[in-house]
Amino acid sequence: MRHSTLTLFLFGLSLVLAFAVQAQSPAPIIVQAASAVPTPPTIAPSATQDSDSIEAAIKLLEQMKAANGEILKRQQASLEQLDEIQKAAEQLKIFSKRG
């Protein structure tokens, strides 16, 4: 009885696995299209546009740096508060065990 149950279970398992293997589709193959039209060369921007864009980027980075500095200060203050709360909780735990 036990042998036939095990055989039936293994047969059912093999059928499920066989159907699962057939249900999987192969990965699609993607081929890049060949284009006959070459891409046009990019025109180099003038020196004034470069210097203006560099200055604008520097100003933006300075603003971002200042904003990040303020965020870091707030995070540091929050971390210090959390440390104080954790120390207070540890003290409460110690005092509650004593009394």
PDB file of N, CA and C in Angstrom:
ATOM      1  N   MET A   1       0.816  -1.183   0.000  1.00  0.00           N
ATOM      2  CA  MET A   1       0.000   0.000   0.000  1.00  0.00           C
ATOM      3  C   MET A   1       0.870   1.261   0.000  1.00  0.00           C
ATOM      4  N   ARG A   2       1.886   1.248   0.848  1.00  0.00           N
ATOM      5  CA  ARG A   2       2.751   2.419   0.951  1.00  0.00           C
ATOM      6  C   ARG A   2       3.560   2.588  -0.333  1.00  0.00           C
ATOM      7  N   HIS A   3       3.999   1.494  -0.924  1.00  0.00           N
ATOM      8  CA  HIS A   3       4.781   1.541  -2.143  1.00  0.00           C
ATOM      9  C   HIS A   3       3.961   2.127  -3.298  1.00  0.00           C
ATOM     10  N   SER A   4       2.696   1.736  -3.401  1.00  0.00           N
ATOM     11  CA  SER A   4       1.856   2.240  -4.492  1.00  0.00           C
ATOM     12  C   SER A   4       1.535   3.723  -4.299  1.00  0.00           C
ATOM     13  N   THR A   5       1.381   4.171  -3.062  1.00  0.00           N
ATOM     14  CA  THR A   5       1.111   5.584  -2.794  1.00  0.00           C
ATOM     15  C   THR A   5       2.324   6.426  -3.169  1.00  0.00           C
ATOM     16  N   LEU A   6       3.497   5.951  -2.825  1.00  0.00           N
ATOM     17  CA  LEU A   6       4.718   6.664  -3.170  1.00  0.00           C
ATOM     18  C   LEU A   6       4.912   6.710  -4.679  1.00  0.00           C
ATOM     19  N   THR A   7       4.644   5.609  -5.347  1.00  0.00           N
ATOM     20  CA  THR A   7       4.771   5.566  -6.802  1.00  0.00           C
ATOM     21  C   THR A   7       3.791   6.529  -7.455  1.00  0.00           C
ATOM     22  N   LEU A   8       2.556   6.560  -6.975  1.00  0.00           N
ATOM     23  CA  LEU A   8       1.536   7.454  -7.525  1.00  0.00           C
ATOM     24  C   LEU A   8       1.935   8.911  -7.294  1.00  0.00           C
ATOM     25  N   PHE A   9       2.467   9.200  -6.110  1.00  0.00           N
ATOM     26  CA  PHE A   9       2.902  10.562  -5.809  1.00  0.00           C
ATOM     27  C   PHE A   9       4.044  10.993  -6.730  1.00  0.00           C
ATOM     28  N   LEU A  10       5.019  10.138  -6.922  1.00  0.00           N
ATOM     29  CA  LEU A  10       6.143  10.461  -7.800  1.00  0.00           C
ATOM     30  C   LEU A  10       5.697  10.629  -9.249  1.00  0.00           C
ATOM     31  N   PHE A  11       4.760   9.800  -9.680  1.00  0.00           N
ATOM     32  CA  PHE A  11       4.234   9.923 -11.038  1.00  0.00           C
ATOM     33  C   PHE A  11       3.513  11.270 -11.216  1.00  0.00           C
ATOM     34  N   GLY A  12       2.715  11.652 -10.238  1.00  0.00           N
ATOM     35  CA  GLY A  12       2.010  12.946 -10.300  1.00  0.00           C
ATOM     36  C   GLY A  12       2.980  14.111 -10.285  1.00  0.00           C
ATOM     37  N   LEU A  13       4.007  13.995  -9.455  1.00  0.00           N
ATOM     38  CA  LEU A  13       5.012  15.040  -9.400  1.00  0.00           C
ATOM     39  C   LEU A  13       5.754  15.185 -10.725  1.00  0.00           C
ATOM     40  N   SER A  14       6.064  14.054 -11.350  1.00  0.00           N
ATOM     41  CA  SER A  14       6.757  14.117 -12.635  1.00  0.00           C
ATOM     42  C   SER A  14       5.869  14.738 -13.713  1.00  0.00           C
ATOM     43  N   LEU A  15       4.563  14.460 -13.675  1.00  0.00           N
ATOM     44  CA  LEU A  15       3.649  15.085 -14.634  1.00  0.00           C
ATOM     45  C   LEU A  15       3.595  16.602 -14.438  1.00  0.00           C
ATOM     46  N   VAL A  16       3.515  17.033 -13.189  1.00  0.00           N
ATOM     47  CA  VAL A  16       3.471  18.472 -12.913  1.00  0.00           C
ATOM     48  C   VAL A  16       4.745  19.139 -13.399  1.00  0.00           C
ATOM     49  N   LEU A  17       5.882  18.527 -13.141  1.00  0.00           N
ATOM     50  CA  LEU A  17       7.147  19.101 -13.598  1.00  0.00           C
ATOM     51  C   LEU A  17       7.240  19.123 -15.114  1.00  0.00           C
ATOM     52  N   ALA A  18       6.733  18.089 -15.770  1.00  0.00           N
ATOM     53  CA  ALA A  18       6.773  18.041 -17.233  1.00  0.00           C
ATOM     54  C   ALA A  18       5.937  19.174 -17.829  1.00  0.00           C
ATOM     55  N   PHE A  19       4.755  19.415 -17.266  1.00  0.00           N
ATOM     56  CA  PHE A  19       3.914  20.503 -17.771  1.00  0.00           C
ATOM     57  C   PHE A  19       4.525  21.866 -17.457  1.00  0.00           C
ATOM     58  N   ALA A  20       5.188  21.979 -16.332  1.00  0.00           N
ATOM     59  CA  ALA A  20       5.812  23.251 -15.973  1.00  0.00           C
ATOM     60  C   ALA A  20       6.958  23.575 -16.925  1.00  0.00           C
ATOM     61  N   VAL A  21       7.712  22.559 -17.328  1.00  0.00           N
ATOM     62  CA  VAL A  21       8.822  22.777 -18.246  1.00  0.00           C
ATOM     63  C   VAL A  21       8.296  23.185 -19.616  1.00  0.00           C
ATOM     64  N   GLN A  22       7.209  22.584 -20.049  1.00  0.00           N
ATOM     65  CA  GLN A  22       6.648  22.924 -21.359  1.00  0.00           C
ATOM     66  C   GLN A  22       6.027  24.313 -21.354  1.00  0.00           C
ATOM     67  N   ALA A  23       5.524  24.767 -20.198  1.00  0.00           N
ATOM     68  CA  ALA A  23       4.846  26.056 -20.128  1.00  0.00           C
ATOM     69  C   ALA A  23       5.824  27.215 -20.228  1.00  0.00           C
ATOM     70  N   GLN A  24       7.068  26.999 -19.943  1.00  0.00           N
ATOM     71  CA  GLN A  24       8.037  28.087 -20.001  1.00  0.00           C
ATOM     72  C   GLN A  24       8.418  28.357 -21.449  1.00  0.00           C
ATOM     73  N   SER A  25       8.434  29.641 -21.787  1.00  0.00           N
ATOM     74  CA  SER A  25       8.820  30.017 -23.145  1.00  0.00           C
ATOM     75  C   SER A  25      10.272  30.485 -23.130  1.00  0.00           C
ATOM     76  N   PRO A  26      10.974  30.312 -24.232  1.00  0.00           N
ATOM     77  CA  PRO A  26      12.369  30.759 -24.267  1.00  0.00           C
ATOM     78  C   PRO A  26      12.437  32.287 -24.249  1.00  0.00           C
ATOM     79  N   ALA A  27      13.560  32.790 -23.832  1.00  0.00           N
ATOM     80  CA  ALA A  27      13.753  34.237 -23.780  1.00  0.00           C
ATOM     81  C   ALA A  27      13.759  34.798 -25.196  1.00  0.00           C
ATOM     82  N   PRO A  28      13.096  35.940 -25.398  1.00  0.00           N
ATOM     83  CA  PRO A  28      13.069  36.525 -26.740  1.00  0.00           C
ATOM     84  C   PRO A  28      14.448  37.035 -27.144  1.00  0.00           C
ATOM     85  N   ILE A  29      14.704  36.954 -28.434  1.00  0.00           N
ATOM     86  CA  ILE A  29      15.968  37.435 -28.982  1.00  0.00           C
ATOM     87  C   ILE A  29      15.703  38.788 -29.617  1.00  0.00           C
ATOM     88  N   ILE A  30      16.432  39.789 -29.167  1.00  0.00           N
ATOM     89  CA  ILE A  30      16.240  41.142 -29.668  1.00  0.00           C
ATOM     90  C   ILE A  30      17.406  41.482 -30.590  1.00  0.00           C
ATOM     91  N   VAL A  31      17.057  41.850 -31.829  1.00  0.00           N
ATOM     92  CA  VAL A  31      18.071  42.204 -32.822  1.00  0.00           C
ATOM     93  C   VAL A  31      17.903  43.671 -33.150  1.00  0.00           C
ATOM     94  N   GLN A  32      18.987  44.407 -33.074  1.00  0.00           N
ATOM     95  CA  GLN A  32      18.930  45.829 -33.378  1.00  0.00           C
ATOM     96  C   GLN A  32      18.765  46.019 -34.875  1.00  0.00           C
ATOM     97  N   ALA A  33      17.870  46.922 -35.245  1.00  0.00           N
ATOM     98  CA  ALA A  33      17.600  47.188 -36.651  1.00  0.00           C
ATOM     99  C   ALA A  33      18.791  47.882 -37.291  1.00  0.00           C
ATOM    100  N   ALA A  34      19.087  47.481 -38.501  1.00  0.00           N
ATOM    101  CA  ALA A  34      20.169  48.115 -39.244  1.00  0.00           C
ATOM    102  C   ALA A  34      19.597  49.328 -39.954  1.00  0.00           C
ATOM    103  N   SER A  35      20.166  50.492 -39.677  1.00  0.00           N
ATOM    104  CA  SER A  35      19.651  51.705 -40.306  1.00  0.00           C
ATOM    105  C   SER A  35      20.623  52.150 -41.391  1.00  0.00           C
ATOM    106  N   ALA A  36      20.067  52.551 -42.523  1.00  0.00           N
ATOM    107  CA  ALA A  36      20.886  53.006 -43.634  1.00  0.00           C
ATOM    108  C   ALA A  36      21.256  54.473 -43.477  1.00  0.00           C
ATOM    109  N   VAL A  37      20.511  55.215 -42.636  1.00  0.00           N
ATOM    110  CA  VAL A  37      20.754  56.636 -42.461  1.00  0.00           C
ATOM    111  C   VAL A  37      21.705  56.825 -41.289  1.00  0.00           C
ATOM    112  N   PRO A  38      22.886  57.389 -41.542  1.00  0.00           N
ATOM    113  CA  PRO A  38      23.815  57.621 -40.431  1.00  0.00           C
ATOM    114  C   PRO A  38      23.326  58.775 -39.568  1.00  0.00           C
ATOM    115  N   THR A  39      23.683  58.751 -38.316  1.00  0.00           N
ATOM    116  CA  THR A  39      23.287  59.836 -37.426  1.00  0.00           C
ATOM    117  C   THR A  39      24.119  61.068 -37.740  1.00  0.00           C
ATOM    118  N   PRO A  40      23.493  62.241 -37.700  1.00  0.00           N
ATOM    119  CA  PRO A  40      24.235  63.466 -38.039  1.00  0.00           C
ATOM    120  C   PRO A  40      25.233  63.792 -36.932  1.00  0.00           C
ATOM    121  N   PRO A  41      26.374  64.346 -37.312  1.00  0.00           N
ATOM    122  CA  PRO A  41      27.365  64.709 -36.290  1.00  0.00           C
ATOM    123  C   PRO A  41      26.851  65.876 -35.453  1.00  0.00           C
ATOM    124  N   THR A  42      27.194  65.853 -34.179  1.00  0.00           N
ATOM    125  CA  THR A  42      26.759  66.942 -33.315  1.00  0.00           C
ATOM    126  C   THR A  42      27.667  68.146 -33.514  1.00  0.00           C
ATOM    127  N   ILE A  43      27.075  69.310 -33.445  1.00  0.00           N
ATOM    128  CA  ILE A  43      27.822  70.553 -33.633  1.00  0.00           C
ATOM    129  C   ILE A  43      28.324  71.003 -32.267  1.00  0.00           C
ATOM    130  N   ALA A  44      29.581  71.330 -32.182  1.00  0.00           N
ATOM    131  CA  ALA A  44      30.182  71.750 -30.921  1.00  0.00           C
ATOM    132  C   ALA A  44      29.623  73.109 -30.514  1.00  0.00           C
ATOM    133  N   PRO A  45      29.185  73.262 -29.247  1.00  0.00           N
ATOM    134  CA  PRO A  45      28.666  74.559 -28.798  1.00  0.00           C
ATOM    135  C   PRO A  45      29.799  75.565 -28.671  1.00  0.00           C
ATOM    136  N   SER A  46      29.419  76.809 -28.708  1.00  0.00           N
ATOM    137  CA  SER A  46      30.438  77.860 -28.635  1.00  0.00           C
ATOM    138  C   SER A  46      30.999  77.958 -27.223  1.00  0.00           C
ATOM    139  N   ALA A  47      32.112  78.633 -27.092  1.00  0.00           N
ATOM    140  CA  ALA A  47      32.809  78.743 -25.803  1.00  0.00           C
ATOM    141  C   ALA A  47      31.987  79.520 -24.785  1.00  0.00           C
ATOM    142  N   THR A  48      31.206  80.521 -25.240  1.00  0.00           N
ATOM    143  CA  THR A  48      30.408  81.310 -24.289  1.00  0.00           C
ATOM    144  C   THR A  48      29.295  80.465 -23.689  1.00  0.00           C
ATOM    145  N   GLN A  49      28.703  79.607 -24.507  1.00  0.00           N
ATOM    146  CA  GLN A  49      27.658  78.732 -23.979  1.00  0.00           C
ATOM    147  C   GLN A  49      28.251  77.777 -22.954  1.00  0.00           C
ATOM    148  N   ASP A  50      29.451  77.283 -23.201  1.00  0.00           N
ATOM    149  CA  ASP A  50      30.103  76.380 -22.256  1.00  0.00           C
ATOM    150  C   ASP A  50      30.363  77.075 -20.932  1.00  0.00           C
ATOM    151  N   SER A  51      30.913  78.277 -20.976  1.00  0.00           N
ATOM    152  CA  SER A  51      31.241  78.977 -19.729  1.00  0.00           C
ATOM    153  C   SER A  51      29.977  79.352 -18.970  1.00  0.00           C
ATOM    154  N   ASP A  52      28.912  79.741 -19.690  1.00  0.00           N
ATOM    155  CA  ASP A  52      27.650  80.073 -19.026  1.00  0.00           C
ATOM    156  C   ASP A  52      27.045  78.831 -18.377  1.00  0.00           C
ATOM    157  N   SER A  53      27.076  77.723 -19.087  1.00  0.00           N
ATOM    158  CA  SER A  53      26.492  76.514 -18.529  1.00  0.00           C
ATOM    159  C   SER A  53      27.326  75.986 -17.365  1.00  0.00           C
ATOM    160  N   ILE A  54      28.633  76.152 -17.437  1.00  0.00           N
ATOM    161  CA  ILE A  54      29.495  75.723 -16.332  1.00  0.00           C
ATOM    162  C   ILE A  54      29.238  76.578 -15.100  1.00  0.00           C
ATOM    163  N   GLU A  55      29.104  77.896 -15.293  1.00  0.00           N
ATOM    164  CA  GLU A  55      28.819  78.776 -14.164  1.00  0.00           C
ATOM    165  C   GLU A  55      27.465  78.456 -13.550  1.00  0.00           C
ATOM    166  N   ALA A  56      26.479  78.195 -14.390  1.00  0.00           N
ATOM    167  CA  ALA A  56      25.148  77.846 -13.880  1.00  0.00           C
ATOM    168  C   ALA A  56      25.201  76.523 -13.116  1.00  0.00           C
ATOM    169  N   ALA A  57      25.964  75.584 -13.632  1.00  0.00           N
ATOM    170  CA  ALA A  57      26.090  74.294 -12.954  1.00  0.00           C
ATOM    171  C   ALA A  57      26.796  74.456 -11.615  1.00  0.00           C
ATOM    172  N   ILE A  58      27.812  75.308 -11.559  1.00  0.00           N
ATOM    173  CA  ILE A  58      28.537  75.549 -10.306  1.00  0.00           C
ATOM    174  C   ILE A  58      27.610  76.183  -9.270  1.00  0.00           C
ATOM    175  N   LYS A  59      26.805  77.171  -9.704  1.00  0.00           N
ATOM    176  CA  LYS A  59      25.865  77.806  -8.790  1.00  0.00           C
ATOM    177  C   LYS A  59      24.846  76.794  -8.273  1.00  0.00           C
ATOM    178  N   LEU A  60      24.360  75.952  -9.159  1.00  0.00           N
ATOM    179  CA  LEU A  60      23.396  74.930  -8.761  1.00  0.00           C
ATOM    180  C   LEU A  60      24.023  73.961  -7.760  1.00  0.00           C
ATOM    181  N   LEU A  61      25.255  73.560  -8.018  1.00  0.00           N
ATOM    182  CA  LEU A  61      25.938  72.637  -7.104  1.00  0.00           C
ATOM    183  C   LEU A  61      26.180  73.289  -5.737  1.00  0.00           C
ATOM    184  N   GLU A  62      26.504  74.586  -5.729  1.00  0.00           N
ATOM    185  CA  GLU A  62      26.700  75.284  -4.459  1.00  0.00           C
ATOM    186  C   GLU A  62      25.402  75.344  -3.671  1.00  0.00           C
ATOM    187  N   GLN A  63      24.284  75.593  -4.370  1.00  0.00           N
ATOM    188  CA  GLN A  63      22.980  75.607  -3.701  1.00  0.00           C
ATOM    189  C   GLN A  63      22.646  74.222  -3.152  1.00  0.00           C
ATOM    190  N   MET A  64      22.927  73.208  -3.935  1.00  0.00           N
ATOM    191  CA  MET A  64      22.656  71.843  -3.485  1.00  0.00           C
ATOM    192  C   MET A  64      23.526  71.494  -2.285  1.00  0.00           C
ATOM    193  N   LYS A  65      24.779  71.936  -2.295  1.00  0.00           N
ATOM    194  CA  LYS A  65      25.696  71.672  -1.189  1.00  0.00           C
ATOM    195  C   LYS A  65      25.189  72.341   0.092  1.00  0.00           C
ATOM    196  N   ALA A  66      24.717  73.589  -0.031  1.00  0.00           N
ATOM    197  CA  ALA A  66      24.192  74.299   1.134  1.00  0.00           C
ATOM    198  C   ALA A  66      22.951  73.595   1.676  1.00  0.00           C
ATOM    199  N   ALA A  67      22.059  73.177   0.784  1.00  0.00           N
ATOM    200  CA  ALA A  67      20.847  72.476   1.209  1.00  0.00           C
ATOM    201  C   ALA A  67      21.204  71.139   1.870  1.00  0.00           C
ATOM    202  N   ASN A  68      22.153  70.424   1.306  1.00  0.00           N
ATOM    203  CA  ASN A  68      22.582  69.151   1.894  1.00  0.00           C
ATOM    204  C   ASN A  68      23.222  69.370   3.258  1.00  0.00           C
ATOM    205  N   GLY A  69      23.976  70.459   3.409  1.00  0.00           N
ATOM    206  CA  GLY A  69      24.583  70.773   4.695  1.00  0.00           C
ATOM    207  C   GLY A  69      23.535  70.993   5.775  1.00  0.00           C
ATOM    208  N   GLU A  70      22.462  71.716   5.429  1.00  0.00           N
ATOM    209  CA  GLU A  70      21.384  71.948   6.395  1.00  0.00           C
ATOM    210  C   GLU A  70      20.677  70.640   6.737  1.00  0.00           C
ATOM    211  N   ILE A  71      20.465  69.807   5.752  1.00  0.00           N
ATOM    212  CA  ILE A  71      19.822  68.511   6.004  1.00  0.00           C
ATOM    213  C   ILE A  71      20.693  67.661   6.915  1.00  0.00           C
ATOM    214  N   LEU A  72      21.997  67.678   6.680  1.00  0.00           N
ATOM    215  CA  LEU A  72      22.918  66.911   7.526  1.00  0.00           C
ATOM    216  C   LEU A  72      22.911  67.427   8.960  1.00  0.00           C
ATOM    217  N   LYS A  73      22.822  68.751   9.137  1.00  0.00           N
ATOM    218  CA  LYS A  73      22.751  69.316  10.489  1.00  0.00           C
ATOM    219  C   LYS A  73      21.483  68.847  11.204  1.00  0.00           C
ATOM    220  N   ARG A  74      20.346  68.868  10.495  1.00  0.00           N
ATOM    221  CA  ARG A  74      19.092  68.410  11.097  1.00  0.00           C
ATOM    222  C   ARG A  74      19.152  66.928  11.432  1.00  0.00           C
ATOM    223  N   GLN A  75      19.750  66.145  10.543  1.00  0.00           N
ATOM    224  CA  GLN A  75      19.877  64.715  10.807  1.00  0.00           C
ATOM    225  C   GLN A  75      20.779  64.459  12.007  1.00  0.00           C
ATOM    226  N   GLN A  76      21.856  65.212  12.140  1.00  0.00           N
ATOM    227  CA  GLN A  76      22.754  65.057  13.283  1.00  0.00           C
ATOM    228  C   GLN A  76      22.021  65.387  14.581  1.00  0.00           C
ATOM    229  N   ALA A  77      21.225  66.464  14.559  1.00  0.00           N
ATOM    230  CA  ALA A  77      20.455  66.829  15.752  1.00  0.00           C
ATOM    231  C   ALA A  77      19.453  65.723  16.096  1.00  0.00           C
ATOM    232  N   SER A  78      18.819  65.148  15.095  1.00  0.00           N
ATOM    233  CA  SER A  78      17.872  64.060  15.328  1.00  0.00           C
ATOM    234  C   SER A  78      18.572  62.839  15.904  1.00  0.00           C
ATOM    235  N   LEU A  79      19.753  62.532  15.375  1.00  0.00           N
ATOM    236  CA  LEU A  79      20.510  61.394  15.896  1.00  0.00           C
ATOM    237  C   LEU A  79      20.914  61.610  17.348  1.00  0.00           C
ATOM    238  N   GLU A  80      21.302  62.835  17.688  1.00  0.00           N
ATOM    239  CA  GLU A  80      21.660  63.131  19.076  1.00  0.00           C
ATOM    240  C   GLU A  80      20.453  62.970  19.988  1.00  0.00           C
ATOM    241  N   GLN A  81      19.270  63.429  19.530  1.00  0.00           N
ATOM    242  CA  GLN A  81      18.055  63.254  20.319  1.00  0.00           C
ATOM    243  C   GLN A  81      17.737  61.774  20.503  1.00  0.00           C
ATOM    244  N   LEU A  82      17.896  61.004  19.445  1.00  0.00           N
ATOM    245  CA  LEU A  82      17.634  59.570  19.550  1.00  0.00           C
ATOM    246  C   LEU A  82      18.607  58.894  20.515  1.00  0.00           C
ATOM    247  N   ASP A  83      19.854  59.326  20.500  1.00  0.00           N
ATOM    248  CA  ASP A  83      20.831  58.776  21.441  1.00  0.00           C
ATOM    249  C   ASP A  83      20.428  59.083  22.882  1.00  0.00           C
ATOM    250  N   GLU A  84      19.983  60.321  23.130  1.00  0.00           N
ATOM    251  CA  GLU A  84      19.553  60.698  24.468  1.00  0.00           C
ATOM    252  C   GLU A  84      18.336  59.879  24.898  1.00  0.00           C
ATOM    253  N   ILE A  85      17.398  59.673  23.977  1.00  0.00           N
ATOM    254  CA  ILE A  85      16.212  58.876  24.288  1.00  0.00           C
ATOM    255  C   ILE A  85      16.604  57.435  24.585  1.00  0.00           C
ATOM    256  N   GLN A  86      17.540  56.904  23.814  1.00  0.00           N
ATOM    257  CA  GLN A  86      17.986  55.533  24.036  1.00  0.00           C
ATOM    258  C   GLN A  86      18.668  55.399  25.397  1.00  0.00           C
ATOM    259  N   LYS A  87      19.499  56.368  25.757  1.00  0.00           N
ATOM    260  CA  LYS A  87      20.162  56.339  27.063  1.00  0.00           C
ATOM    261  C   LYS A  87      19.130  56.406  28.188  1.00  0.00           C
ATOM    262  N   ALA A  88      18.121  57.261  28.016  1.00  0.00           N
ATOM    263  CA  ALA A  88      17.077  57.368  29.033  1.00  0.00           C
ATOM    264  C   ALA A  88      16.296  56.059  29.149  1.00  0.00           C
ATOM    265  N   ALA A  89      16.030  55.421  28.028  1.00  0.00           N
ATOM    266  CA  ALA A  89      15.307  54.147  28.048  1.00  0.00           C
ATOM    267  C   ALA A  89      16.137  53.069  28.743  1.00  0.00           C
ATOM    268  N   GLU A  90      17.444  53.064  28.501  1.00  0.00           N
ATOM    269  CA  GLU A  90      18.314  52.101  29.175  1.00  0.00           C
ATOM    270  C   GLU A  90      18.346  52.344  30.673  1.00  0.00           C
ATOM    271  N   GLN A  91      18.370  53.607  31.085  1.00  0.00           N
ATOM    272  CA  GLN A  91      18.346  53.913  32.508  1.00  0.00           C
ATOM    273  C   GLN A  91      17.034  53.466  33.139  1.00  0.00           C
ATOM    274  N   LEU A  92      15.917  53.701  32.439  1.00  0.00           N
ATOM    275  CA  LEU A  92      14.623  53.247  32.947  1.00  0.00           C
ATOM    276  C   LEU A  92      14.590  51.737  33.098  1.00  0.00           C
ATOM    277  N   LYS A  93      15.180  51.056  32.138  1.00  0.00           N
ATOM    278  CA  LYS A  93      15.218  49.590  32.194  1.00  0.00           C
ATOM    279  C   LYS A  93      16.015  49.131  33.402  1.00  0.00           C
ATOM    280  N   ILE A  94      17.145  49.792  33.646  1.00  0.00           N
ATOM    281  CA  ILE A  94      17.992  49.442  34.795  1.00  0.00           C
ATOM    282  C   ILE A  94      17.272  49.720  36.108  1.00  0.00           C
ATOM    283  N   PHE A  95      16.636  50.893  36.208  1.00  0.00           N
ATOM    284  CA  PHE A  95      15.932  51.246  37.453  1.00  0.00           C
ATOM    285  C   PHE A  95      14.707  50.362  37.668  1.00  0.00           C
ATOM    286  N   SER A  96      14.052  49.942  36.603  1.00  0.00           N
ATOM    287  CA  SER A  96      12.873  49.095  36.782  1.00  0.00           C
ATOM    288  C   SER A  96      13.269  47.698  37.282  1.00  0.00           C
ATOM    289  N   LYS A  97      14.457  47.225  36.934  1.00  0.00           N
ATOM    290  CA  LYS A  97      14.915  45.931  37.413  1.00  0.00           C
ATOM    291  C   LYS A  97      15.287  45.985  38.889  1.00  0.00           C
ATOM    292  N   ARG A  98      15.744  47.148  39.353  1.00  0.00           N
ATOM    293  CA  ARG A  98      16.157  47.288  40.758  1.00  0.00           C
ATOM    294  C   ARG A  98      14.961  47.316  41.708  1.00  0.00           C
ATOM    295  N   GLY A  99      13.932  48.053  41.316  1.00  0.00           N
ATOM    296  CA  GLY A  99      12.847  48.294  42.259  1.00  0.00           C
ATOM    297  C   GLY A  99      11.677  47.468  42.035  1.00  0.00           C
TER     298      GLY A  99
END
